[in-house]
PDB file of N, CA and C in Angstrom:
ATOM      1  N   MET A   1     130.699 105.406  60.587  1.00  0.00           N
ATOM      2  CA  MET A   1     130.552 104.941  59.229  1.00  0.00           C
ATOM      3  C   MET A   1     130.742 106.141  58.304  1.00  0.00           C
ATOM      4  N   ASP A   2     131.649 106.021  57.323  1.00  0.00           N
ATOM      5  CA  ASP A   2     131.846 107.147  56.393  1.00  0.00           C
ATOM      6  C   ASP A   2     130.760 107.154  55.316  1.00  0.00           C
ATOM      7  N   ILE A   3     130.715 108.213  54.519  1.00  0.00           N
ATOM      8  CA  ILE A   3     129.629 108.390  53.573  1.00  0.00           C
ATOM      9  C   ILE A   3     129.644 107.318  52.482  1.00  0.00           C
ATOM     10  N   ARG A   4     130.814 106.824  52.071  1.00  0.00           N
ATOM     11  CA  ARG A   4     130.854 105.756  51.065  1.00  0.00           C
ATOM     12  C   ARG A   4     130.210 104.489  51.606  1.00  0.00           C
ATOM     13  N   GLN A   5     130.493 104.176  52.871  1.00  0.00           N
ATOM     14  CA  GLN A   5     129.886 102.987  53.480  1.00  0.00           C
ATOM     15  C   GLN A   5     128.386 103.178  53.658  1.00  0.00           C
ATOM     16  N   THR A   6     127.953 104.367  54.017  1.00  0.00           N
ATOM     17  CA  THR A   6     126.519 104.660  54.177  1.00  0.00           C
ATOM     18  C   THR A   6     125.795 104.474  52.858  1.00  0.00           C
ATOM     19  N   ILE A   7     126.353 105.014  51.786  1.00  0.00           N
ATOM     20  CA  ILE A   7     125.732 104.869  50.455  1.00  0.00           C
ATOM     21  C   ILE A   7     125.688 103.397  50.078  1.00  0.00           C
ATOM     22  N   GLY A   8     126.783 102.671  50.287  1.00  0.00           N
ATOM     23  CA  GLY A   8     126.820 101.262  49.944  1.00  0.00           C
ATOM     24  C   GLY A   8     125.806 100.456  50.722  1.00  0.00           C
ATOM     25  N   TRP A   9     125.713 100.729  52.016  1.00  0.00           N
ATOM     26  CA  TRP A   9     124.752 100.030  52.886  1.00  0.00           C
ATOM     27  C   TRP A   9     123.311 100.254  52.381  1.00  0.00           C
ATOM     28  N   ASN A  10     122.996 101.526  52.120  1.00  0.00           N
ATOM     29  CA  ASN A  10     121.642 101.849  51.655  1.00  0.00           C
ATOM     30  C   ASN A  10     121.369 101.301  50.272  1.00  0.00           C
ATOM     31  N   LEU A  11     122.375 101.320  49.399  1.00  0.00           N
ATOM     32  CA  LEU A  11     122.177 100.750  48.065  1.00  0.00           C
ATOM     33  C   LEU A  11     121.835  99.263  48.172  1.00  0.00           C
ATOM     34  N   ARG A  12     122.598  98.541  48.964  1.00  0.00           N
ATOM     35  CA  ARG A  12     122.328  97.103  49.111  1.00  0.00           C
ATOM     36  C   ARG A  12     120.947  96.863  49.755  1.00  0.00           C
ATOM     37  N   ARG A  13     120.642  97.631  50.777  1.00  0.00           N
ATOM     38  CA  ARG A  13     119.326  97.481  51.458  1.00  0.00           C
ATOM     39  C   ARG A  13     118.184  97.697  50.470  1.00  0.00           C
ATOM     40  N   LEU A  14     118.252  98.761  49.693  1.00  0.00           N
ATOM     41  CA  LEU A  14     117.201  99.071  48.738  1.00  0.00           C
ATOM     42  C   LEU A  14     117.147  98.039  47.594  1.00  0.00           C
ATOM     43  N   ARG A  15     118.317  97.645  47.106  1.00  0.00           N
ATOM     44  CA  ARG A  15     118.391  96.669  46.007  1.00  0.00           C
ATOM     45  C   ARG A  15     117.778  95.343  46.422  1.00  0.00           C
ATOM     46  N   VAL A  16     118.173  94.854  47.583  1.00  0.00           N
ATOM     47  CA  VAL A  16     117.665  93.562  48.085  1.00  0.00           C
ATOM     48  C   VAL A  16     116.173  93.637  48.359  1.00  0.00           C
ATOM     49  N   SER A  17     115.697  94.752  48.921  1.00  0.00           N
ATOM     50  CA  SER A  17     114.267  94.877  49.224  1.00  0.00           C
ATOM     51  C   SER A  17     113.427  94.867  47.945  1.00  0.00           C
ATOM     52  N   ARG A  18     114.021  95.211  46.819  1.00  0.00           N
ATOM     53  CA  ARG A  18     113.321  95.180  45.541  1.00  0.00           C
ATOM     54  C   ARG A  18     113.570  93.903  44.764  1.00  0.00           C
ATOM     55  N   GLY A  19     114.354  93.014  45.344  1.00  0.00           N
ATOM     56  CA  GLY A  19     114.602  91.732  44.703  1.00  0.00           C
ATOM     57  C   GLY A  19     115.476  91.824  43.473  1.00  0.00           C
ATOM     58  N   LEU A  20     116.345  92.829  43.413  1.00  0.00           N
ATOM     59  CA  LEU A  20     117.224  93.019  42.259  1.00  0.00           C
ATOM     60  C   LEU A  20     118.611  92.460  42.554  1.00  0.00           C
ATOM     61  N   SER A  21     119.173  91.743  41.622  1.00  0.00           N
ATOM     62  CA  SER A  21     120.565  91.315  41.754  1.00  0.00           C
ATOM     63  C   SER A  21     121.455  92.494  41.370  1.00  0.00           C
ATOM     64  N   GLN A  22     122.715  92.409  41.751  1.00  0.00           N
ATOM     65  CA  GLN A  22     123.665  93.464  41.340  1.00  0.00           C
ATOM     66  C   GLN A  22     123.725  93.532  39.814  1.00  0.00           C
ATOM     67  N   GLU A  23     123.705  92.378  39.202  1.00  0.00           N
ATOM     68  CA  GLU A  23     123.783  92.317  37.744  1.00  0.00           C
ATOM     69  C   GLU A  23     122.586  92.988  37.078  1.00  0.00           C
ATOM     70  N   ARG A  24     121.370  92.714  37.555  1.00  0.00           N
ATOM     71  CA  ARG A  24     120.165  93.311  36.979  1.00  0.00           C
ATOM     72  C   ARG A  24     120.166  94.814  37.205  1.00  0.00           C
ATOM     73  N   LEU A  25     120.524  95.254  38.416  1.00  0.00           N
ATOM     74  CA  LEU A  25     120.565  96.683  38.731  1.00  0.00           C
ATOM     75  C   LEU A  25     121.562  97.383  37.822  1.00  0.00           C
ATOM     76  N   ALA A  26     122.752  96.807  37.679  1.00  0.00           N
ATOM     77  CA  ALA A  26     123.790  97.407  36.835  1.00  0.00           C
ATOM     78  C   ALA A  26     123.350  97.466  35.383  1.00  0.00           C
ATOM     79  N   LEU A  27     122.729  96.414  34.893  1.00  0.00           N
ATOM     80  CA  LEU A  27     122.275  96.348  33.507  1.00  0.00           C
ATOM     81  C   LEU A  27     121.254  97.452  33.231  1.00  0.00           C
ATOM     82  N   GLU A  28     120.275  97.586  34.119  1.00  0.00           N
ATOM     83  CA  GLU A  28     119.229  98.567  33.918  1.00  0.00           C
ATOM     84  C   GLU A  28     119.716 100.006  34.120  1.00  0.00           C
ATOM     85  N   ALA A  29     120.775 100.181  34.949  1.00  0.00           N
ATOM     86  CA  ALA A  29     121.344 101.505  35.193  1.00  0.00           C
ATOM     87  C   ALA A  29     122.442 101.834  34.179  1.00  0.00           C
ATOM     88  N   ASN A  30     122.774 100.855  33.333  1.00  0.00           N
ATOM     89  CA  ASN A  30     123.810 101.008  32.304  1.00  0.00           C
ATOM     90  C   ASN A  30     125.175 101.311  32.903  1.00  0.00           C
ATOM     91  N   ILE A  31     125.501 100.570  33.976  1.00  0.00           N
ATOM     92  CA  ILE A  31     126.842 100.681  34.591  1.00  0.00           C
ATOM     93  C   ILE A  31     127.383  99.262  34.790  1.00  0.00           C
ATOM     94  N   ASP A  32     128.660  99.156  35.100  1.00  0.00           N
ATOM     95  CA  ASP A  32     129.300  97.849  35.255  1.00  0.00           C
ATOM     96  C   ASP A  32     128.890  97.187  36.569  1.00  0.00           C
ATOM     97  N   ARG A  33     128.652  95.865  36.547  1.00  0.00           N
ATOM     98  CA  ARG A  33     128.247  95.150  37.750  1.00  0.00           C
ATOM     99  C   ARG A  33     129.310  95.212  38.833  1.00  0.00           C
ATOM    100  N   SER A  34     130.570  95.143  38.452  1.00  0.00           N
ATOM    101  CA  SER A  34     131.608  95.181  39.474  1.00  0.00           C
ATOM    102  C   SER A  34     131.647  96.551  40.161  1.00  0.00           C
ATOM    103  N   TYR A  35     131.250  97.587  39.440  1.00  0.00           N
ATOM    104  CA  TYR A  35     131.183  98.932  40.033  1.00  0.00           C
ATOM    105  C   TYR A  35     130.094  98.969  41.110  1.00  0.00           C
ATOM    106  N   VAL A  36     128.963  98.307  40.858  1.00  0.00           N
ATOM    107  CA  VAL A  36     127.899  98.227  41.846  1.00  0.00           C
ATOM    108  C   VAL A  36     128.411  97.516  43.098  1.00  0.00           C
ATOM    109  N   GLY A  37     129.135  96.423  42.913  1.00  0.00           N
ATOM    110  CA  GLY A  37     129.703  95.679  44.044  1.00  0.00           C
ATOM    111  C   GLY A  37     130.659  96.536  44.862  1.00  0.00           C
ATOM    112  N   ARG A  38     131.508  97.303  44.177  1.00  0.00           N
ATOM    113  CA  ARG A  38     132.460  98.151  44.889  1.00  0.00           C
ATOM    114  C   ARG A  38     131.731  99.281  45.635  1.00  0.00           C
ATOM    115  N   ILE A  39     130.656  99.794  45.046  1.00  0.00           N
ATOM    116  CA  ILE A  39     129.867 100.824  45.728  1.00  0.00           C
ATOM    117  C   ILE A  39     129.277 100.238  47.007  1.00  0.00           C
ATOM    118  N   GLU A  40     128.681  99.049  46.902  1.00  0.00           N
ATOM    119  CA  GLU A  40     128.055  98.419  48.060  1.00  0.00           C
ATOM    120  C   GLU A  40     129.060  98.118  49.165  1.00  0.00           C
ATOM    121  N   ARG A  41     130.292  97.829  48.797  1.00  0.00           N
ATOM    122  CA  ARG A  41     131.333  97.544  49.809  1.00  0.00           C
ATOM    123  C   ARG A  41     131.969  98.824  50.350  1.00  0.00           C
ATOM    124  N   GLY A  42     131.558  99.987  49.850  1.00  0.00           N
ATOM    125  CA  GLY A  42     132.104 101.248  50.315  1.00  0.00           C
ATOM    126  C   GLY A  42     133.501 101.529  49.814  1.00  0.00           C
ATOM    127  N   MET A  43     133.868 100.951  48.671  1.00  0.00           N
ATOM    128  CA  MET A  43     135.208 101.086  48.132  1.00  0.00           C
ATOM    129  C   MET A  43     135.302 102.091  46.998  1.00  0.00           C
ATOM    130  N   GLU A  44     134.208 102.701  46.631  1.00  0.00           N
ATOM    131  CA  GLU A  44     134.168 103.542  45.440  1.00  0.00           C
ATOM    132  C   GLU A  44     133.680 104.936  45.805  1.00  0.00           C
ATOM    133  N   ASN A  45     134.313 105.951  45.218  1.00  0.00           N
ATOM    134  CA  ASN A  45     133.801 107.311  45.277  1.00  0.00           C
ATOM    135  C   ASN A  45     132.807 107.435  44.113  1.00  0.00           C
ATOM    136  N   VAL A  46     131.584 107.103  44.399  1.00  0.00           N
ATOM    137  CA  VAL A  46     130.570 106.995  43.354  1.00  0.00           C
ATOM    138  C   VAL A  46     130.228 108.372  42.783  1.00  0.00           C
ATOM    139  N   THR A  47     129.967 108.397  41.495  1.00  0.00           N
ATOM    140  CA  THR A  47     129.619 109.675  40.821  1.00  0.00           C
ATOM    141  C   THR A  47     128.145 110.000  41.029  1.00  0.00           C
ATOM    142  N   VAL A  48     127.840 111.274  40.906  1.00  0.00           N
ATOM    143  CA  VAL A  48     126.464 111.730  41.045  1.00  0.00           C
ATOM    144  C   VAL A  48     125.587 111.118  39.954  1.00  0.00           C
ATOM    145  N   SER A  49     126.115 111.016  38.747  1.00  0.00           N
ATOM    146  CA  SER A  49     125.302 110.436  37.668  1.00  0.00           C
ATOM    147  C   SER A  49     125.034 108.966  37.897  1.00  0.00           C
ATOM    148  N   ALA A  50     125.988 108.232  38.509  1.00  0.00           N
ATOM    149  CA  ALA A  50     125.753 106.820  38.840  1.00  0.00           C
ATOM    150  C   ALA A  50     124.707 106.703  39.938  1.00  0.00           C
ATOM    151  N   LEU A  51     124.771 107.574  40.957  1.00  0.00           N
ATOM    152  CA  LEU A  51     123.767 107.562  42.019  1.00  0.00           C
ATOM    153  C   LEU A  51     122.380 107.832  41.433  1.00  0.00           C
ATOM    154  N   GLU A  52     122.309 108.772  40.523  1.00  0.00           N
ATOM    155  CA  GLU A  52     121.045 109.116  39.891  1.00  0.00           C
ATOM    156  C   GLU A  52     120.488 107.931  39.086  1.00  0.00           C
ATOM    157  N   ALA A  53     121.350 107.260  38.333  1.00  0.00           N
ATOM    158  CA  ALA A  53     120.921 106.103  37.536  1.00  0.00           C
ATOM    159  C   ALA A  53     120.444 104.963  38.420  1.00  0.00           C
ATOM    160  N   LEU A  54     121.180 104.674  39.504  1.00  0.00           N
ATOM    161  CA  LEU A  54     120.795 103.598  40.416  1.00  0.00           C
ATOM    162  C   LEU A  54     119.468 103.903  41.100  1.00  0.00           C
ATOM    163  N   ALA A  55     119.308 105.133  41.554  1.00  0.00           N
ATOM    164  CA  ALA A  55     118.065 105.544  42.228  1.00  0.00           C
ATOM    165  C   ALA A  55     116.885 105.439  41.255  1.00  0.00           C
ATOM    166  N   ARG A  56     117.096 105.839  40.003  1.00  0.00           N
ATOM    167  CA  ARG A  56     116.021 105.782  39.002  1.00  0.00           C
ATOM    168  C   ARG A  56     115.553 104.351  38.807  1.00  0.00           C
ATOM    169  N   VAL A  57     116.497 103.418  38.670  1.00  0.00           N
ATOM    170  CA  VAL A  57     116.150 102.014  38.467  1.00  0.00           C
ATOM    171  C   VAL A  57     115.354 101.471  39.643  1.00  0.00           C
ATOM    172  N   MET A  58     115.733 101.871  40.855  1.00  0.00           N
ATOM    173  CA  MET A  58     115.065 101.372  42.057  1.00  0.00           C
ATOM    174  C   MET A  58     113.838 102.189  42.408  1.00  0.00           C
ATOM    175  N   ASP A  59     113.560 103.249  41.632  1.00  0.00           N
ATOM    176  CA  ASP A  59     112.410 104.124  41.841  1.00  0.00           C
ATOM    177  C   ASP A  59     112.399 104.741  43.238  1.00  0.00           C
ATOM    178  N   VAL A  60     113.559 105.309  43.610  1.00  0.00           N
ATOM    179  CA  VAL A  60     113.686 106.015  44.891  1.00  0.00           C
ATOM    180  C   VAL A  60     114.335 107.367  44.627  1.00  0.00           C
ATOM    181  N   ASN A  61     114.230 108.261  45.596  1.00  0.00           N
ATOM    182  CA  ASN A  61     114.921 109.538  45.517  1.00  0.00           C
ATOM    183  C   ASN A  61     116.379 109.311  45.895  1.00  0.00           C
ATOM    184  N   VAL A  62     117.290 110.020  45.235  1.00  0.00           N
ATOM    185  CA  VAL A  62     118.711 109.896  45.521  1.00  0.00           C
ATOM    186  C   VAL A  62     119.010 110.100  47.006  1.00  0.00           C
ATOM    187  N   SER A  63     118.242 110.944  47.644  1.00  0.00           N
ATOM    188  CA  SER A  63     118.493 111.217  49.078  1.00  0.00           C
ATOM    189  C   SER A  63     118.369 109.970  49.942  1.00  0.00           C
ATOM    190  N   GLU A  64     117.608 108.971  49.500  1.00  0.00           N
ATOM    191  CA  GLU A  64     117.474 107.730  50.293  1.00  0.00           C
ATOM    192  C   GLU A  64     118.790 106.980  50.396  1.00  0.00           C
ATOM    193  N   LEU A  65     119.702 107.207  49.464  1.00  0.00           N
ATOM    194  CA  LEU A  65     121.011 106.564  49.521  1.00  0.00           C
ATOM    195  C   LEU A  65     121.902 107.191  50.576  1.00  0.00           C
ATOM    196  N   PHE A  66     121.508 108.355  51.092  1.00  0.00           N
ATOM    197  CA  PHE A  66     122.288 109.066  52.105  1.00  0.00           C
ATOM    198  C   PHE A  66     121.698 108.948  53.501  1.00  0.00           C
ATOM    199  N   THR A  67     120.656 108.152  53.666  1.00  0.00           N
ATOM    200  CA  THR A  67     119.997 107.958  54.953  1.00  0.00           C
ATOM    201  C   THR A  67     120.990 107.425  55.962  1.00  0.00           C
ATOM    202  N   GLU A  68     121.017 108.043  57.134  1.00  0.00           N
ATOM    203  CA  GLU A  68     121.945 107.622  58.190  1.00  0.00           C
ATOM    204  C   GLU A  68     121.609 106.188  58.621  1.00  0.00           C
ATOM    205  N   VAL A  69     122.667 105.406  58.843  1.00  0.00           N
ATOM    206  CA  VAL A  69     122.528 103.998  59.215  1.00  0.00           C
ATOM    207  C   VAL A  69     122.794 103.853  60.709  1.00  0.00           C
ATOM    208  N   ASP A  70     121.934 103.122  61.402  1.00  0.00           N
ATOM    209  CA  ASP A  70     122.118 102.850  62.814  1.00  0.00           C
ATOM    210  C   ASP A  70     123.335 101.930  62.964  1.00  0.00           C
ATOM    211  N   ASP A  71     124.238 102.307  63.852  1.00  0.00           N
ATOM    212  CA  ASP A  71     125.460 101.499  64.065  1.00  0.00           C
ATOM    213  C   ASP A  71     125.148 100.080  64.512  1.00  0.00           C
ATOM    214  N   LYS A  72     123.987  99.846  65.117  1.00  0.00           N
ATOM    215  CA  LYS A  72     123.635  98.520  65.631  1.00  0.00           C
ATOM    216  C   LYS A  72     122.864  97.693  64.608  1.00  0.00           C
ATOM    217  N   ALA A  73     122.554  98.283  63.467  1.00  0.00           N
ATOM    218  CA  ALA A  73     121.778  97.563  62.444  1.00  0.00           C
ATOM    219  C   ALA A  73     122.598  96.430  61.854  1.00  0.00           C
ATOM    220  N   SER A  74     121.947  95.312  61.569  1.00  0.00           N
ATOM    221  CA  SER A  74     122.651  94.213  60.950  1.00  0.00           C
ATOM    222  C   SER A  74     122.690  94.417  59.435  1.00  0.00           C
ATOM    223  N   ARG A  75     123.719  93.903  58.829  1.00  0.00           N
ATOM    224  CA  ARG A  75     123.918  94.060  57.375  1.00  0.00           C
ATOM    225  C   ARG A  75     122.714  93.471  56.638  1.00  0.00           C
ATOM    226  N   PRO A  76     122.244  94.144  55.584  1.00  0.00           N
ATOM    227  CA  PRO A  76     121.132  93.617  54.808  1.00  0.00           C
ATOM    228  C   PRO A  76     121.455  92.216  54.276  1.00  0.00           C
ATOM    229  N   ALA A  77     120.508  91.331  54.379  1.00  0.00           N
ATOM    230  CA  ALA A  77     120.708  89.950  53.918  1.00  0.00           C
ATOM    231  C   ALA A  77     120.862  89.927  52.408  1.00  0.00           C
ATOM    232  N   PRO A  78     121.670  89.009  51.894  1.00  0.00           N
ATOM    233  CA  PRO A  78     121.811  88.897  50.445  1.00  0.00           C
ATOM    234  C   PRO A  78     120.581  88.221  49.830  1.00  0.00           C
ATOM    235  N   LEU A  79     120.431  88.379  48.531  1.00  0.00           N
ATOM    236  CA  LEU A  79     119.391  87.655  47.825  1.00  0.00           C
ATOM    237  C   LEU A  79     119.750  86.184  47.781  1.00  0.00           C
ATOM    238  N   ARG A  80     118.764  85.331  47.649  1.00  0.00           N
ATOM    239  CA  ARG A  80     119.016  83.909  47.490  1.00  0.00           C
ATOM    240  C   ARG A  80     119.775  83.713  46.177  1.00  0.00           C
ATOM    241  N   SER A  81     120.826  82.919  46.204  1.00  0.00           N
ATOM    242  CA  SER A  81     121.628  82.729  44.988  1.00  0.00           C
ATOM    243  C   SER A  81     120.935  81.766  44.043  1.00  0.00           C
ATOM    244  N   GLY A  82     121.377  81.806  42.818  1.00  0.00           N
ATOM    245  CA  GLY A  82     120.845  80.932  41.792  1.00  0.00           C
ATOM    246  C   GLY A  82     119.724  81.590  41.012  1.00  0.00           C
ATOM    247  N   ARG A  83     119.231  80.881  40.047  1.00  0.00           N
ATOM    248  CA  ARG A  83     118.178  81.430  39.206  1.00  0.00           C
ATOM    249  C   ARG A  83     116.825  81.325  39.885  1.00  0.00           C
ATOM    250  N   LYS A  84     115.954  82.236  39.488  1.00  0.00           N
ATOM    251  CA  LYS A  84     114.606  82.188  40.011  1.00  0.00           C
ATOM    252  C   LYS A  84     113.883  81.024  39.379  1.00  0.00           C
ATOM    253  N   PRO A  85     112.932  80.392  40.127  1.00  0.00           N
ATOM    254  CA  PRO A  85     112.181  79.284  39.550  1.00  0.00           C
ATOM    255  C   PRO A  85     111.400  79.744  38.331  1.00  0.00           C
ATOM    256  N   ARG A  86     111.321  78.889  37.367  1.00  0.00           N
ATOM    257  CA  ARG A  86     110.629  79.189  36.125  1.00  0.00           C
ATOM    258  C   ARG A  86     109.103  79.181  36.370  1.00  0.00           C
ATOM    259  N   LYS A  87     108.430  80.222  35.905  1.00  0.00           N
ATOM    260  CA  LYS A  87     106.973  80.294  36.043  1.00  0.00           C
ATOM    261  C   LYS A  87     106.333  79.677  34.821  1.00  0.00           C
ATOM    262  N   LEU A  88     105.353  78.840  35.048  1.00  0.00           N
ATOM    263  CA  LEU A  88     104.679  78.189  33.930  1.00  0.00           C
ATOM    264  C   LEU A  88     103.374  78.900  33.586  1.00  0.00           C
TER     265      LEU A  88
END
């Protein structure tokens, strides 16, 4: 797995574990949602400032995005699609 795929894998894992959609993460990090998607797919040479902004929103250290991924690990599950139920 190359470093772009490792960063993408970890970004998705951390984002999903925090219950953030790509859109919400991008909005709070002040970057484009499609850029987040390309990062997660390992298609983007992500900038250091973008990594810093994404890590800040998820309240993690940037180094967590570089954590080595086990080759046998299954892809992080996506969030449930659709809107969240309205709380009364």
